[in-house]
Amino acid sequence: RVRSGDTQVVVNCQLLTEGWDMPEISCCVLARPTKSSG
């Protein structure tokens, strides 16, 4: 639904940081601090 545009915002915790590619995403919201630059 995110890819099709039916859902505009997907919110996640510890899931979409690696192995997920969706070029249509053009905004990233960092709602969490981290000491890890990686």
Full PDB file with SEQRES, HELIX, SHEET, SSBOND, CRYST1, ORIGX, SCALE, CONECT and MASTER records, all heavy atoms in Angstrom:
SEQRES   1 A   38  ARG VAL ARG SER GLY ASP THR GLN VAL VAL VAL ASN CYS          
SEQRES   2 A   38  GLN LEU LEU THR GLU GLY TRP ASP MET PRO GLU ILE SER          
SEQRES   3 A   38  CYS CYS VAL LEU ALA ARG PRO THR LYS SER SER GLY              
CRYST1    1.000    1.000    1.000  90.00  90.00  90.00 P 1           1          
ORIGX1      1.000000  0.000000  0.000000        0.00000                         
ORIGX2      0.000000  1.000000  0.000000        0.00000                         
ORIGX3      0.000000  0.000000  1.000000        0.00000                         
SCALE1      1.000000  0.000000  0.000000        0.00000                         
SCALE2      0.000000  1.000000  0.000000        0.00000                         
SCALE3      0.000000  0.000000  1.000000        0.00000                         
ATOM      1  N   ARG A   1       0.831  -1.212   0.000  1.00  0.00           N  
ATOM      2  CA  ARG A   1       0.000   0.000   0.000  1.00  0.00           C  
ATOM      3  C   ARG A   1       0.868   1.265   0.000  1.00  0.00           C  
ATOM      4  O   ARG A   1       0.495   2.286  -0.589  1.00  0.00           O  
ATOM      5  CB  ARG A   1      -0.944  -0.014   1.204  1.00  0.00           C  
ATOM      6  CG  ARG A   1      -2.067  -1.041   1.081  1.00  0.00           C  
ATOM      7  CD  ARG A   1      -3.139  -0.847   2.145  1.00  0.00           C  
ATOM      8  NE  ARG A   1      -2.700  -1.224   3.468  1.00  0.00           N  
ATOM      9  CZ  ARG A   1      -2.792  -2.459   3.972  1.00  0.00           C  
ATOM     10  NH1 ARG A   1      -3.285  -3.443   3.218  1.00  0.00           N  
ATOM     11  NH2 ARG A   1      -2.397  -2.715   5.208  1.00  0.00           N  
ATOM     12  N   VAL A   2       2.036   1.185   0.651  1.00  0.00           N  
ATOM     13  CA  VAL A   2       2.951   2.322   0.603  1.00  0.00           C  
ATOM     14  C   VAL A   2       3.472   2.503  -0.818  1.00  0.00           C  
ATOM     15  O   VAL A   2       3.525   3.622  -1.346  1.00  0.00           O  
ATOM     16  CB  VAL A   2       4.122   2.121   1.590  1.00  0.00           C  
ATOM     17  CG1 VAL A   2       5.108   3.280   1.488  1.00  0.00           C  
ATOM     18  CG2 VAL A   2       3.619   2.006   3.021  1.00  0.00           C  
ATOM     19  N   ARG A   3       3.840   1.419  -1.458  1.00  0.00           N  
ATOM     20  CA  ARG A   3       4.378   1.503  -2.815  1.00  0.00           C  
ATOM     21  C   ARG A   3       3.344   2.046  -3.793  1.00  0.00           C  
ATOM     22  O   ARG A   3       3.671   2.834  -4.685  1.00  0.00           O  
ATOM     23  CB  ARG A   3       4.869   0.126  -3.281  1.00  0.00           C  
ATOM     24  CG  ARG A   3       5.598   0.171  -4.629  1.00  0.00           C  
ATOM     25  CD  ARG A   3       6.102  -1.208  -5.020  1.00  0.00           C  
ATOM     26  NE  ARG A   3       7.128  -1.690  -4.108  1.00  0.00           N  
ATOM     27  CZ  ARG A   3       8.413  -1.361  -4.198  1.00  0.00           C  
ATOM     28  NH1 ARG A   3       8.813  -0.523  -5.132  1.00  0.00           N  
ATOM     29  NH2 ARG A   3       9.276  -1.852  -3.342  1.00  0.00           N  
ATOM     30  N   SER A   4       2.097   1.653  -3.621  1.00  0.00           N  
ATOM     31  CA  SER A   4       1.046   2.112  -4.532  1.00  0.00           C  
ATOM     32  C   SER A   4       0.626   3.550  -4.251  1.00  0.00           C  
ATOM     33  O   SER A   4       0.001   4.196  -5.097  1.00  0.00           O  
ATOM     34  CB  SER A   4      -0.173   1.197  -4.422  1.00  0.00           C  
ATOM     35  OG  SER A   4      -0.816   1.356  -3.160  1.00  0.00           O  
ATOM     36  N   GLY A   5       0.944   4.047  -3.049  1.00  0.00           N  
ATOM     37  CA  GLY A   5       0.548   5.392  -2.675  1.00  0.00           C  
ATOM     38  C   GLY A   5      -0.734   5.449  -1.874  1.00  0.00           C  
ATOM     39  O   GLY A   5      -1.131   6.530  -1.426  1.00  0.00           O  
ATOM     40  N   ASP A   6      -1.388   4.313  -1.672  1.00  0.00           N  
ATOM     41  CA  ASP A   6      -2.595   4.309  -0.837  1.00  0.00           C  
ATOM     42  C   ASP A   6      -2.260   4.693   0.603  1.00  0.00           C  
ATOM     43  O   ASP A   6      -3.068   5.311   1.296  1.00  0.00           O  
ATOM     44  CB  ASP A   6      -3.245   2.916  -0.865  1.00  0.00           C  
ATOM     45  CG  ASP A   6      -3.828   2.572  -2.231  1.00  0.00           C  
ATOM     46  OD1 ASP A   6      -4.123   3.509  -2.991  1.00  0.00           O  
ATOM     47  OD2 ASP A   6      -3.966   1.380  -2.537  1.00  0.00           O  
ATOM     48  N   THR A   7      -1.089   4.294   1.059  1.00  0.00           N  
ATOM     49  CA  THR A   7      -0.564   4.724   2.355  1.00  0.00           C  
ATOM     50  C   THR A   7       0.603   5.655   2.096  1.00  0.00           C  
ATOM     51  O   THR A   7       1.532   5.303   1.369  1.00  0.00           O  
ATOM     52  CB  THR A   7      -0.096   3.512   3.182  1.00  0.00           C  
ATOM     53  OG1 THR A   7      -1.231   2.699   3.503  1.00  0.00           O  
ATOM     54  CG2 THR A   7       0.583   3.957   4.474  1.00  0.00           C  
ATOM     55  N   GLN A   8       0.556   6.844   2.692  1.00  0.00           N  
ATOM     56  CA  GLN A   8       1.601   7.830   2.422  1.00  0.00           C  
ATOM     57  C   GLN A   8       2.737   7.768   3.423  1.00  0.00           C  
ATOM     58  O   GLN A   8       3.891   8.065   3.081  1.00  0.00           O  
ATOM     59  CB  GLN A   8       1.011   9.245   2.423  1.00  0.00           C  
ATOM     60  CG  GLN A   8       1.986  10.306   1.929  1.00  0.00           C  
ATOM     61  CD  GLN A   8       1.377  11.692   1.828  1.00  0.00           C  
ATOM     62  OE1 GLN A   8       0.204  11.879   2.158  1.00  0.00           O  
ATOM     63  NE2 GLN A   8       2.157  12.665   1.390  1.00  0.00           N  
ATOM     64  N   VAL A   9       2.431   7.379   4.656  1.00  0.00           N  
ATOM     65  CA  VAL A   9       3.441   7.373   5.717  1.00  0.00           C  
ATOM     66  C   VAL A   9       3.468   6.002   6.373  1.00  0.00           C  
ATOM     67  O   VAL A   9       2.431   5.502   6.826  1.00  0.00           O  
ATOM     68  CB  VAL A   9       3.147   8.456   6.781  1.00  0.00           C  
ATOM     69  CG1 VAL A   9       4.173   8.384   7.908  1.00  0.00           C  
ATOM     70  CG2 VAL A   9       3.138   9.843   6.154  1.00  0.00           C  
ATOM     71  N   VAL A  10       4.643   5.373   6.418  1.00  0.00           N  
ATOM     72  CA  VAL A  10       4.801   4.110   7.133  1.00  0.00           C  
ATOM     73  C   VAL A  10       5.738   4.368   8.307  1.00  0.00           C  
ATOM     74  O   VAL A  10       6.822   4.918   8.150  1.00  0.00           O  
ATOM     75  CB  VAL A  10       5.337   2.990   6.219  1.00  0.00           C  
ATOM     76  CG1 VAL A  10       6.689   3.352   5.600  1.00  0.00           C  
ATOM     77  CG2 VAL A  10       5.432   1.674   6.984  1.00  0.00           C  
ATOM     78  N   VAL A  11       5.282   3.998   9.510  1.00  0.00           N  
ATOM     79  CA  VAL A  11       6.046   4.206  10.739  1.00  0.00           C  
ATOM     80  C   VAL A  11       6.491   2.851  11.250  1.00  0.00           C  
ATOM     81  O   VAL A  11       5.694   1.904  11.294  1.00  0.00           O  
ATOM     82  CB  VAL A  11       5.193   4.924  11.814  1.00  0.00           C  
ATOM     83  CG1 VAL A  11       6.072   5.382  12.963  1.00  0.00           C  
ATOM     84  CG2 VAL A  11       4.428   6.097  11.215  1.00  0.00           C  
ATOM     85  N   ASN A  12       7.770   2.729  11.628  1.00  0.00           N  
ATOM     86  CA  ASN A  12       8.270   1.423  12.049  1.00  0.00           C  
ATOM     87  C   ASN A  12       9.260   1.567  13.191  1.00  0.00           C  
ATOM     88  O   ASN A  12       9.769   2.656  13.478  1.00  0.00           O  
ATOM     89  CB  ASN A  12       8.916   0.701  10.866  1.00  0.00           C  
ATOM     90  CG  ASN A  12      10.329   1.193  10.582  1.00  0.00           C  
ATOM     91  OD1 ASN A  12      11.312   0.513  10.872  1.00  0.00           O  
ATOM     92  ND2 ASN A  12      10.443   2.401  10.011  1.00  0.00           N  
ATOM     93  N   CYS A  13       9.558   0.442  13.792  1.00  0.00           N  
ATOM     94  CA  CYS A  13      10.552   0.375  14.862  1.00  0.00           C  
ATOM     95  C   CYS A  13      11.496  -0.791  14.568  1.00  0.00           C  
ATOM     96  O   CYS A  13      11.055  -1.949  14.537  1.00  0.00           O  
ATOM     97  CB  CYS A  13       9.864   0.178  16.204  1.00  0.00           C  
ATOM     98  SG  CYS A  13      10.981  -0.267  17.537  1.00  0.00           S  
ATOM     99  N   GLN A  14      12.766  -0.476  14.290  1.00  0.00           N  
ATOM    100  CA  GLN A  14      13.809  -1.492  14.145  1.00  0.00           C  
ATOM    101  C   GLN A  14      13.545  -2.493  13.020  1.00  0.00           C  
ATOM    102  O   GLN A  14      13.968  -3.637  13.113  1.00  0.00           O  
ATOM    103  CB  GLN A  14      13.972  -2.263  15.465  1.00  0.00           C  
ATOM    104  CG  GLN A  14      14.364  -1.425  16.661  1.00  0.00           C  
ATOM    105  CD  GLN A  14      15.807  -0.964  16.618  1.00  0.00           C  
ATOM    106  OE1 GLN A  14      16.108   0.106  16.129  1.00  0.00           O  
ATOM    107  NE2 GLN A  14      16.697  -1.787  17.119  1.00  0.00           N  
ATOM    108  N   LEU A  15      12.857  -2.102  11.970  1.00  0.00           N  
ATOM    109  CA  LEU A  15      12.496  -3.083  10.948  1.00  0.00           C  
ATOM    110  C   LEU A  15      12.977  -2.710   9.554  1.00  0.00           C  
ATOM    111  O   LEU A  15      13.477  -3.558   8.821  1.00  0.00           O  
ATOM    112  CB  LEU A  15      10.973  -3.276  10.925  1.00  0.00           C  
ATOM    113  CG  LEU A  15      10.455  -4.419  10.050  1.00  0.00           C  
ATOM    114  CD1 LEU A  15      10.997  -5.751  10.541  1.00  0.00           C  
ATOM    115  CD2 LEU A  15       8.930  -4.446  10.042  1.00  0.00           C  
ATOM    116  N   LEU A  16      12.844  -1.448   9.157  1.00  0.00           N  
ATOM    117  CA  LEU A  16      13.109  -1.048   7.778  1.00  0.00           C  
ATOM    118  C   LEU A  16      14.474  -0.398   7.603  1.00  0.00           C  
ATOM    119  O   LEU A  16      14.702   0.305   6.616  1.00  0.00           O  
ATOM    120  CB  LEU A  16      12.010  -0.087   7.296  1.00  0.00           C  
ATOM    121  CG  LEU A  16      10.584  -0.644   7.314  1.00  0.00           C  
ATOM    122  CD1 LEU A  16       9.591   0.398   6.830  1.00  0.00           C  
ATOM    123  CD2 LEU A  16      10.484  -1.914   6.462  1.00  0.00           C  
ATOM    124  N   THR A  17      15.398  -0.651   8.510  1.00  0.00           N  
ATOM    125  CA  THR A  17      16.713  -0.021   8.412  1.00  0.00           C  
ATOM    126  C   THR A  17      17.611  -0.723   7.414  1.00  0.00           C  
ATOM    127  O   THR A  17      18.510  -0.103   6.839  1.00  0.00           O  
ATOM    128  CB  THR A  17      17.408  -0.017   9.789  1.00  0.00           C  
ATOM    129  OG1 THR A  17      17.447  -1.359  10.297  1.00  0.00           O  
ATOM    130  CG2 THR A  17      16.654   0.880  10.756  1.00  0.00           C  
ATOM    131  N   GLU A  18      17.426  -2.024   7.193  1.00  0.00           N  
ATOM    132  CA  GLU A  18      18.269  -2.799   6.296  1.00  0.00           C  
ATOM    133  C   GLU A  18      17.416  -3.691   5.407  1.00  0.00           C  
ATOM    134  O   GLU A  18      16.367  -4.179   5.814  1.00  0.00           O  
ATOM    135  CB  GLU A  18      19.245  -3.684   7.087  1.00  0.00           C  
ATOM    136  CG  GLU A  18      20.201  -2.934   7.977  1.00  0.00           C  
ATOM    137  CD  GLU A  18      20.990  -3.861   8.889  1.00  0.00           C  
ATOM    138  OE1 GLU A  18      20.545  -5.002   9.105  1.00  0.00           O  
ATOM    139  OE2 GLU A  18      22.054  -3.440   9.380  1.00  0.00           O  
ATOM    140  N   GLY A  19      17.881  -3.894   4.174  1.00  0.00           N  
ATOM    141  CA  GLY A  19      17.240  -4.860   3.297  1.00  0.00           C  
ATOM    142  C   GLY A  19      15.901  -4.435   2.742  1.00  0.00           C  
ATOM    143  O   GLY A  19      15.161  -5.265   2.207  1.00  0.00           O  
ATOM    144  N   TRP A  20      15.557  -3.178   2.870  1.00  0.00           N  
ATOM    145  CA  TRP A  20      14.277  -2.680   2.346  1.00  0.00           C  
ATOM    146  C   TRP A  20      14.547  -1.517   1.416  1.00  0.00           C  
ATOM    147  O   TRP A  20      15.139  -0.514   1.816  1.00  0.00           O  
ATOM    148  CB  TRP A  20      13.366  -2.225   3.485  1.00  0.00           C  
ATOM    149  CG  TRP A  20      12.076  -1.620   3.009  1.00  0.00           C  
ATOM    150  CD1 TRP A  20      11.065  -2.268   2.355  1.00  0.00           C  
ATOM    151  CD2 TRP A  20      11.654  -0.257   3.153  1.00  0.00           C  
ATOM    152  NE1 TRP A  20      10.036  -1.375   2.077  1.00  0.00           N  
ATOM    153  CE2 TRP A  20      10.375  -0.141   2.557  1.00  0.00           C  
ATOM    154  CE3 TRP A  20      12.220   0.870   3.731  1.00  0.00           C  
ATOM    155  CZ2 TRP A  20       9.668   1.047   2.526  1.00  0.00           C  
ATOM    156  CZ3 TRP A  20      11.521   2.065   3.699  1.00  0.00           C  
ATOM    157  CH2 TRP A  20      10.256   2.147   3.097  1.00  0.00           C  
ATOM    158  N   ASP A  21      14.115  -1.659   0.181  1.00  0.00           N  
ATOM    159  CA  ASP A  21      14.342  -0.630  -0.820  1.00  0.00           C  
ATOM    160  C   ASP A  21      13.018  -0.249  -1.469  1.00  0.00           C  
ATOM    161  O   ASP A  21      12.336  -1.101  -2.050  1.00  0.00           O  
ATOM    162  CB  ASP A  21      15.309  -1.120  -1.901  1.00  0.00           C  
ATOM    163  CG  ASP A  21      16.674  -1.472  -1.337  1.00  0.00           C  
ATOM    164  OD1 ASP A  21      17.138  -0.723  -0.465  1.00  0.00           O  
ATOM    165  OD2 ASP A  21      17.256  -2.482  -1.766  1.00  0.00           O  
ATOM    166  N   MET A  22      12.658   1.006  -1.359  1.00  0.00           N  
ATOM    167  CA  MET A  22      11.470   1.528  -2.024  1.00  0.00           C  
ATOM    168  C   MET A  22      11.816   2.924  -2.530  1.00  0.00           C  
ATOM    169  O   MET A  22      11.725   3.906  -1.796  1.00  0.00           O  
ATOM    170  CB  MET A  22      10.270   1.571  -1.072  1.00  0.00           C  
ATOM    171  CG  MET A  22       8.966   1.927  -1.771  1.00  0.00           C  
ATOM    172  SD  MET A  22       7.512   1.846  -0.670  1.00  0.00           S  
ATOM    173  CE  MET A  22       7.390   0.077  -0.389  1.00  0.00           C  
ATOM    174  N   PRO A  23      12.232   3.026  -3.797  1.00  0.00           N  
ATOM    175  CA  PRO A  23      12.680   4.316  -4.334  1.00  0.00           C  
ATOM    176  C   PRO A  23      11.636   5.415  -4.235  1.00  0.00           C  
ATOM    177  O   PRO A  23      11.986   6.606  -4.237  1.00  0.00           O  
ATOM    178  CB  PRO A  23      13.007   3.985  -5.789  1.00  0.00           C  
ATOM    179  CG  PRO A  23      13.321   2.517  -5.790  1.00  0.00           C  
ATOM    180  CD  PRO A  23      12.402   1.930  -4.766  1.00  0.00           C  
ATOM    181  N   GLU A  24      10.348   5.051  -4.152  1.00  0.00           N  
ATOM    182  CA  GLU A  24       9.301   6.066  -4.083  1.00  0.00           C  
ATOM    183  C   GLU A  24       9.359   6.888  -2.796  1.00  0.00           C  
ATOM    184  O   GLU A  24       8.788   7.983  -2.724  1.00  0.00           O  
ATOM    185  CB  GLU A  24       7.920   5.405  -4.192  1.00  0.00           C  
ATOM    186  CG  GLU A  24       7.652   4.743  -5.537  1.00  0.00           C  
ATOM    187  CD  GLU A  24       8.205   3.339  -5.642  1.00  0.00           C  
ATOM    188  OE1 GLU A  24       8.872   2.869  -4.677  1.00  0.00           O  
ATOM    189  OE2 GLU A  24       8.000   2.694  -6.684  1.00  0.00           O  
ATOM    190  N   ILE A  25      10.038   6.373  -1.772  1.00  0.00           N  
ATOM    191  CA  ILE A  25      10.186   7.113  -0.518  1.00  0.00           C  
ATOM    192  C   ILE A  25      11.089   8.323  -0.754  1.00  0.00           C  
ATOM    193  O   ILE A  25      12.231   8.179  -1.200  1.00  0.00           O  
ATOM    194  CB  ILE A  25      10.794   6.217   0.584  1.00  0.00           C  
ATOM    195  CG1 ILE A  25       9.835   5.076   0.931  1.00  0.00           C  
ATOM    196  CG2 ILE A  25      11.137   7.043   1.822  1.00  0.00           C  
ATOM    197  CD1 ILE A  25       8.562   5.504   1.596  1.00  0.00           C  
ATOM    198  N   SER A  26      10.583   9.518  -0.440  1.00  0.00           N  
ATOM    199  CA  SER A  26      11.402  10.716  -0.637  1.00  0.00           C  
ATOM    200  C   SER A  26      11.499  11.566   0.634  1.00  0.00           C  
ATOM    201  O   SER A  26      11.999  12.683   0.585  1.00  0.00           O  
ATOM    202  CB  SER A  26      10.854  11.573  -1.784  1.00  0.00           C  
ATOM    203  OG  SER A  26       9.546  12.025  -1.501  1.00  0.00           O  
ATOM    204  N   CYS A  27      11.015  11.038   1.755  1.00  0.00           N  
ATOM    205  CA  CYS A  27      11.175  11.715   3.034  1.00  0.00           C  
ATOM    206  C   CYS A  27      11.435  10.680   4.115  1.00  0.00           C  
ATOM    207  O   CYS A  27      10.765   9.638   4.168  1.00  0.00           O  
ATOM    208  CB  CYS A  27       9.945  12.545   3.389  1.00  0.00           C  
ATOM    209  SG  CYS A  27      10.026  13.329   5.029  1.00  0.00           S  
ATOM    210  N   CYS A  28      12.412  10.952   4.957  1.00  0.00           N  
ATOM    211  CA  CYS A  28      12.741  10.087   6.082  1.00  0.00           C  
ATOM    212  C   CYS A  28      12.644  10.907   7.357  1.00  0.00           C  
ATOM    213  O   CYS A  28      13.282  11.960   7.471  1.00  0.00           O  
ATOM    214  CB  CYS A  28      14.153   9.524   5.910  1.00  0.00           C  
ATOM    215  SG  CYS A  28      14.771   8.626   7.342  1.00  0.00           S  
ATOM    216  N   VAL A  29      11.838  10.454   8.301  1.00  0.00           N  
ATOM    217  CA  VAL A  29      11.684  11.141   9.583  1.00  0.00           C  
ATOM    218  C   VAL A  29      12.416  10.338  10.652  1.00  0.00           C  
ATOM    219  O   VAL A  29      12.097   9.167  10.888  1.00  0.00           O  
ATOM    220  CB  VAL A  29      10.203  11.301   9.968  1.00  0.00           C  
ATOM    221  CG1 VAL A  29      10.081  11.983  11.330  1.00  0.00           C  
ATOM    222  CG2 VAL A  29       9.450  12.095   8.910  1.00  0.00           C  
ATOM    223  N   LEU A  30      13.403  10.960  11.282  1.00  0.00           N  
ATOM    224  CA  LEU A  30      14.145  10.324  12.356  1.00  0.00           C  
ATOM    225  C   LEU A  30      13.520  10.756  13.675  1.00  0.00           C  
ATOM    226  O   LEU A  30      13.809  11.828  14.197  1.00  0.00           O  
ATOM    227  CB  LEU A  30      15.615  10.724  12.288  1.00  0.00           C  
ATOM    228  CG  LEU A  30      16.304  10.493  10.938  1.00  0.00           C  
ATOM    229  CD1 LEU A  30      17.752  10.968  10.993  1.00  0.00           C  
ATOM    230  CD2 LEU A  30      16.231   9.029  10.530  1.00  0.00           C  
ATOM    231  N   ALA A  31      12.657   9.924  14.203  1.00  0.00           N  
ATOM    232  CA  ALA A  31      11.966  10.231  15.455  1.00  0.00           C  
ATOM    233  C   ALA A  31      12.667   9.589  16.636  1.00  0.00           C  
ATOM    234  O   ALA A  31      12.090   9.489  17.714  1.00  0.00           O  
ATOM    235  CB  ALA A  31      10.512   9.752  15.386  1.00  0.00           C  
ATOM    236  N   ARG A  32      13.884   9.144  16.434  1.00  0.00           N  
ATOM    237  CA  ARG A  32      14.649   8.512  17.495  1.00  0.00           C  
ATOM    238  C   ARG A  32      16.103   8.963  17.450  1.00  0.00           C  
ATOM    239  O   ARG A  32      16.722   9.025  16.378  1.00  0.00           O  
ATOM    240  CB  ARG A  32      14.600   7.003  17.366  1.00  0.00           C  
ATOM    241  CG  ARG A  32      15.111   6.434  16.060  1.00  0.00           C  
ATOM    242  CD  ARG A  32      15.609   5.016  16.227  1.00  0.00           C  
ATOM    243  NE  ARG A  32      16.732   4.952  17.149  1.00  0.00           N  
ATOM    244  CZ  ARG A  32      17.215   3.811  17.642  1.00  0.00           C  
ATOM    245  NH1 ARG A  32      16.672   2.668  17.300  1.00  0.00           N  
ATOM    246  NH2 ARG A  32      18.237   3.824  18.474  1.00  0.00           N  
ATOM    247  N   PRO A  33      16.689   9.284  18.590  1.00  0.00           N  
ATOM    248  CA  PRO A  33      18.132   9.513  18.646  1.00  0.00           C  
ATOM    249  C   PRO A  33      18.864   8.173  18.568  1.00  0.00           C  
ATOM    250  O   PRO A  33      18.295   7.118  18.873  1.00  0.00           O  
ATOM    251  CB  PRO A  33      18.347  10.170  20.008  1.00  0.00           C  
ATOM    252  CG  PRO A  33      16.976  10.550  20.492  1.00  0.00           C  
ATOM    253  CD  PRO A  33      16.043   9.575  19.868  1.00  0.00           C  
ATOM    254  N   THR A  34      20.116   8.205  18.188  1.00  0.00           N  
ATOM    255  CA  THR A  34      20.948   7.009  18.240  1.00  0.00           C  
ATOM    256  C   THR A  34      22.402   7.422  18.397  1.00  0.00           C  
ATOM    257  O   THR A  34      22.833   8.438  17.835  1.00  0.00           O  
ATOM    258  CB  THR A  34      20.792   6.138  16.982  1.00  0.00           C  
ATOM    259  OG1 THR A  34      21.681   5.008  17.069  1.00  0.00           O  
ATOM    260  CG2 THR A  34      21.096   6.913  15.713  1.00  0.00           C  
ATOM    261  N   LYS A  35      23.152   6.668  19.165  1.00  0.00           N  
ATOM    262  CA  LYS A  35      24.584   6.888  19.283  1.00  0.00           C  
ATOM    263  C   LYS A  35      25.337   6.200  18.150  1.00  0.00           C  
ATOM    264  O   LYS A  35      26.545   6.384  17.997  1.00  0.00           O  
ATOM    265  CB  LYS A  35      25.103   6.360  20.621  1.00  0.00           C  
ATOM    266  CG  LYS A  35      24.520   7.034  21.845  1.00  0.00           C  
ATOM    267  CD  LYS A  35      24.912   8.480  21.948  1.00  0.00           C  
ATOM    268  CE  LYS A  35      26.361   8.673  22.297  1.00  0.00           C  
ATOM    269  NZ  LYS A  35      26.716  10.102  22.493  1.00  0.00           N  
ATOM    270  N   SER A  36      24.639   5.398  17.356  1.00  0.00           N  
ATOM    271  CA  SER A  36      25.263   4.639  16.280  1.00  0.00           C  
ATOM    272  C   SER A  36      25.190   5.423  14.973  1.00  0.00           C  
ATOM    273  O   SER A  36      24.106   5.606  14.414  1.00  0.00           O  
ATOM    274  CB  SER A  36      24.554   3.282  16.109  1.00  0.00           C  
ATOM    275  OG  SER A  36      24.950   2.665  14.893  1.00  0.00           O  
ATOM    276  N   SER A  37      26.343   5.864  14.479  1.00  0.00           N  
ATOM    277  CA  SER A  37      26.332   6.565  13.192  1.00  0.00           C  
ATOM    278  C   SER A  37      25.954   5.612  12.068  1.00  0.00           C  
ATOM    279  O   SER A  37      25.370   6.028  11.067  1.00  0.00           O  
ATOM    280  CB  SER A  37      27.707   7.194  12.929  1.00  0.00           C  
ATOM    281  OG  SER A  37      28.724   6.218  12.923  1.00  0.00           O  
ATOM    282  N   GLY A  38      26.264   4.314  12.228  1.00  0.00           N  
ATOM    283  CA  GLY A  38      25.859   3.340  11.217  1.00  0.00           C  
ATOM    284  C   GLY A  38      24.355   3.257  11.087  1.00  0.00           C  
ATOM    285  O   GLY A  38      23.805   3.250   9.972  1.00  0.00           O  
TER     286      GLY A  38                                                      
MASTER        0    0    0    0    0    0    0    6  285    1    0    3          
END                                                                             
